[in-house]
Protein backbone atom coordinates (compact mmCIF):
# COMPACT_ATOMS: atom_id res chain seq x y z
CA MET A 1 -0.82 -20.91 -4.03
CA LEU A 2 -1.06 -16.74 -3.70
CA VAL A 3 -0.24 -14.89 -0.02
CA LEU A 4 -0.97 -11.57 0.91
CA ALA A 5 1.90 -10.57 3.24
CA SER A 6 -0.76 -7.87 4.68
CA ALA A 7 -2.88 -7.27 7.80
CA SER A 8 -4.81 -4.87 6.23
CA PRO A 9 -8.37 -5.29 5.67
CA ARG A 10 -8.40 -2.92 2.55
CA ARG A 11 -6.06 -4.51 0.81
CA ARG A 12 -8.07 -8.41 1.48
CA GLU A 13 -11.52 -5.89 -0.03
CA LEU A 14 -10.04 -5.57 -3.42
CA LEU A 15 -8.14 -8.74 -3.76
CA THR A 16 -11.33 -10.66 -3.14
CA GLN A 17 -13.31 -8.04 -5.18
CA ALA A 18 -11.20 -8.18 -7.98
CA GLY A 19 -11.82 -12.28 -8.06
CA PHE A 20 -8.14 -13.60 -6.26
CA THR A 21 -8.04 -16.61 -4.14
CA PHE A 22 -5.48 -16.25 -1.23
CA GLU A 23 -4.80 -16.54 2.04
CA VAL A 24 -3.39 -14.16 4.59
CA HIS A 25 -0.43 -14.06 6.33
CA PRO A 26 0.98 -10.82 8.04
CA ALA A 27 4.51 -9.28 7.55
CA HIS A 28 5.89 -7.72 10.93
CA ILE A 29 8.92 -5.81 9.72
CA PRO A 30 10.13 -2.52 10.72
CA GLU A 31 8.71 0.49 8.81
CA ASP A 32 11.07 3.20 9.11
CA PRO A 33 12.23 5.12 6.14
CA LEU A 34 16.28 5.16 5.88
CA PRO A 35 17.98 7.91 6.07
CA GLY A 36 17.16 9.94 2.32
CA GLU A 37 15.51 7.10 1.18
CA ASN A 38 13.06 8.33 -1.15
CA PRO A 39 9.34 7.93 -1.01
CA ILE A 40 9.38 5.06 -4.42
CA ALA A 41 12.75 3.51 -2.99
CA TYR A 42 10.97 3.48 0.31
CA VAL A 43 7.46 1.80 -0.35
CA THR A 44 8.97 -0.89 -2.98
CA ARG A 45 11.91 -1.44 -0.14
CA LEU A 46 9.27 -2.52 2.65
CA ALA A 47 7.16 -4.60 0.06
CA ARG A 48 9.56 -6.51 -0.69
CA GLU A 49 10.81 -7.16 2.71
CA LYS A 50 7.15 -8.01 3.39
CA ALA A 51 6.69 -10.13 0.73
CA GLU A 52 10.36 -12.04 1.30
CA ASN A 53 9.73 -12.13 5.33
CA VAL A 54 6.37 -14.22 4.85
CA PHE A 55 7.78 -16.37 1.99
CA ALA A 56 10.63 -17.54 4.14
CA GLN A 57 8.67 -18.01 6.62
CA LEU A 58 5.97 -20.18 4.56
CA SER A 59 8.73 -21.81 1.98
CA THR A 60 9.25 -25.15 4.45
CA GLY A 61 10.99 -27.13 1.72
CA PRO A 62 11.18 -26.73 -1.59
CA GLU A 63 7.78 -28.45 -2.53
CA THR A 64 6.08 -25.82 -0.45
CA ALA A 65 8.54 -22.97 -2.32
CA ALA A 66 7.34 -24.28 -5.79
CA SER A 67 3.82 -23.23 -5.38
CA LEU A 68 3.86 -20.26 -3.76
CA VAL A 69 3.45 -16.59 -4.51
CA VAL A 70 3.95 -14.00 -1.72
CA LEU A 71 2.15 -10.68 -2.51
CA GLY A 72 3.73 -7.93 -0.47
CA ALA A 73 2.62 -4.05 -0.57
CA ASP A 74 2.98 -0.43 1.31
CA THR A 75 1.31 2.76 0.79
CA THR A 76 2.82 6.01 1.61
CA VAL A 77 1.60 9.63 1.02
CA THR A 78 3.94 12.13 -0.12
CA LEU A 79 3.91 16.06 -0.64
CA ASP A 80 7.03 17.44 -1.32
CA ASP A 81 8.91 14.51 -1.07
CA HIS A 82 8.35 14.33 2.21
CA ILE A 83 6.71 10.79 3.52
CA LEU A 84 3.46 11.66 5.76
CA GLY A 85 2.77 7.75 7.11
CA LYS A 86 0.30 6.83 9.28
CA PRO A 87 -0.50 9.76 12.07
CA GLU A 88 1.46 8.90 15.91
CA ASP A 89 -1.74 10.42 17.25
CA ALA A 90 -4.83 13.24 16.84
CA ALA A 91 -2.13 16.21 16.32
CA ASP A 92 0.04 14.27 14.12
CA ALA A 93 -3.20 14.01 12.16
CA ALA A 94 -4.29 17.15 12.29
CA ARG A 95 -1.03 18.39 11.08
CA MET A 96 -1.07 15.92 8.09
CA LEU A 97 -4.29 16.92 7.33
CA ARG A 98 -3.48 20.97 7.21
CA LEU A 99 -0.54 19.96 5.14
CA LEU A 100 -2.80 18.10 2.45
CA SER A 101 -5.63 20.99 2.36
CA GLY A 102 -5.91 22.49 -0.94
CA ARG A 103 -3.21 20.97 -2.37
CA THR A 104 -2.16 17.95 -4.58
CA HIS A 105 -0.09 15.54 -3.07
CA ARG A 106 0.77 11.33 -4.73
CA VAL A 107 -0.13 8.50 -3.31
CA ILE A 108 2.46 5.52 -3.66
CA THR A 109 2.12 1.84 -3.24
CA GLY A 110 5.09 -0.68 -3.99
CA VAL A 111 4.00 -3.97 -4.82
CA ALA A 112 6.22 -7.28 -4.70
CA ILE A 113 5.89 -10.42 -5.81
CA VAL A 114 8.18 -12.79 -4.56
CA THR A 115 8.31 -16.67 -5.87
CA ALA A 116 11.03 -19.43 -5.75
CA GLY A 117 12.24 -18.36 -8.80
CA ARG A 118 12.32 -14.53 -8.96
CA THR A 119 11.11 -11.07 -7.39
CA GLU A 120 8.72 -8.47 -9.23
CA VAL A 121 8.51 -5.23 -7.60
CA ALA A 122 7.27 -2.06 -9.22
CA ALA A 123 5.14 0.89 -7.66
CA GLU A 124 2.16 2.82 -8.74
CA VAL A 125 1.91 6.43 -8.31
CA THR A 126 -1.50 8.48 -8.37
CA GLY A 127 -2.35 12.16 -7.47
CA VAL A 128 -4.62 13.28 -4.98
CA ARG A 129 -6.22 16.63 -4.94
CA PHE A 130 -7.51 18.06 -1.83
CA LEU A 131 -10.26 21.17 -0.92
CA ASN A 132 -9.00 23.72 1.55
CA LEU A 133 -9.83 22.61 4.99
CA ALA A 134 -11.58 24.52 7.67
CA ASP A 135 -9.57 23.37 11.30
CA GLU A 136 -13.21 22.19 12.23
CA GLU A 137 -13.59 20.01 9.37
CA ILE A 138 -10.47 18.43 10.27
CA ALA A 139 -10.88 18.00 14.32
CA ALA A 140 -14.79 16.71 13.55
CA TYR A 141 -12.71 13.94 11.24
CA ILE A 142 -10.29 13.06 13.74
CA ALA A 143 -13.22 12.56 16.33
CA THR A 144 -14.39 9.80 13.80
CA GLY A 145 -11.03 7.59 14.54
CA GLU A 146 -10.99 7.05 10.58
CA PRO A 147 -7.70 8.63 10.16
CA MET A 148 -5.51 7.00 12.91
CA ASP A 149 -4.33 3.96 11.01
CA LYS A 150 -3.63 5.33 7.41
CA ALA A 151 -1.33 6.54 5.47
CA GLY A 152 -1.58 10.83 5.57
CA ALA A 153 -4.56 10.25 7.69
CA TYR A 154 -6.79 9.74 5.55
CA GLY A 155 -9.12 6.92 3.65
CA ILE A 156 -10.12 8.15 -0.11
CA GLN A 157 -13.08 5.05 0.34
CA GLY A 158 -14.13 6.83 3.39
CA LEU A 159 -15.35 10.19 4.62
CA ALA A 160 -12.81 12.04 3.45
CA ALA A 161 -14.21 11.01 0.13
CA ARG A 162 -16.28 14.53 0.31
CA TRP A 163 -12.50 16.33 -0.26
CA ILE A 164 -11.56 14.80 -2.98
CA PRO A 165 -12.42 16.77 -6.31
CA ARG A 166 -10.61 14.74 -8.59
CA ILE A 167 -7.44 12.29 -8.91
CA GLU A 168 -4.94 11.66 -11.36
CA GLY A 169 -3.82 7.65 -12.20
CA CYS A 170 -5.31 4.43 -10.07
CA TYR A 171 -8.18 4.72 -7.53
CA PHE A 172 -7.27 1.54 -5.98
CA ASN A 173 -4.16 2.44 -5.52
CA VAL A 174 -5.10 5.15 -2.70
CA VAL A 175 -7.39 2.69 -1.05
CA GLY A 176 -4.46 1.19 -0.83
CA LEU A 177 -3.45 -1.79 -3.73
CA PRO A 178 -3.37 -0.82 -7.45
CA LEU A 179 -5.03 -4.14 -9.17
CA ALA A 180 -4.19 -3.84 -12.21
CA LEU A 181 -0.59 -3.51 -11.23
CA VAL A 182 -0.70 -6.56 -8.89
CA SER A 183 -2.37 -8.15 -11.97
CA THR A 184 0.00 -7.96 -14.20
CA LEU A 185 2.87 -8.68 -11.77
CA LEU A 186 1.15 -11.72 -11.03
CA ASP A 187 0.87 -12.82 -14.67
CA THR A 188 4.21 -12.20 -15.36
CA ALA A 189 5.30 -14.57 -12.34
CA LYS A 190 3.45 -17.13 -13.46
CA ALA A 191 4.71 -16.83 -16.99
CA HIS A 192 8.19 -17.23 -15.76
CA ALA A 193 7.54 -20.15 -13.59
CA SER A 194 5.92 -22.36 -16.63
CA ARG A 195 8.62 -21.38 -18.49
CA ALA A 196 10.90 -22.58 -15.94
CA GLU A 197 8.98 -26.01 -15.41
């Protein structure tokens, strides 16, 4: 049984779109970066901790653990190696969007697959270019409420799409779940499980 350890509606939509059958069981863990933690280490650690947390909750015995596959993921936006998480308020969202204006930033998603036998962890990185944004555009975008629950204060699949002339890498990673990477990790976990039987 595949379980998504995330409350993100975008991750749920992407997994469904890719044809996976799964249940949703969000993890509730602190998401603050550790002192000096680089962005890739940060998102892979959180993805692993989310998946491990949910695996521990749901594996009530050897039988349930054997059939359980938990997918954890965490996405962040980075600029000059600084992590831009979800904005605290409208002023913070405006600050982030001004930083991204006219520049290329990186979106990094950590992915973890936890089974009874092993843990697979990897990260996907996508470069995203922004047009120059006027303060009025930023204010109008924030007024829609769209940026408030998203790393870097924007969603590529929403209104901010008009500011993104190009990306380098996986589009789905920017939405929140790199599907090809997830599929590869799940295949690896499945192959390992069948060898172990």
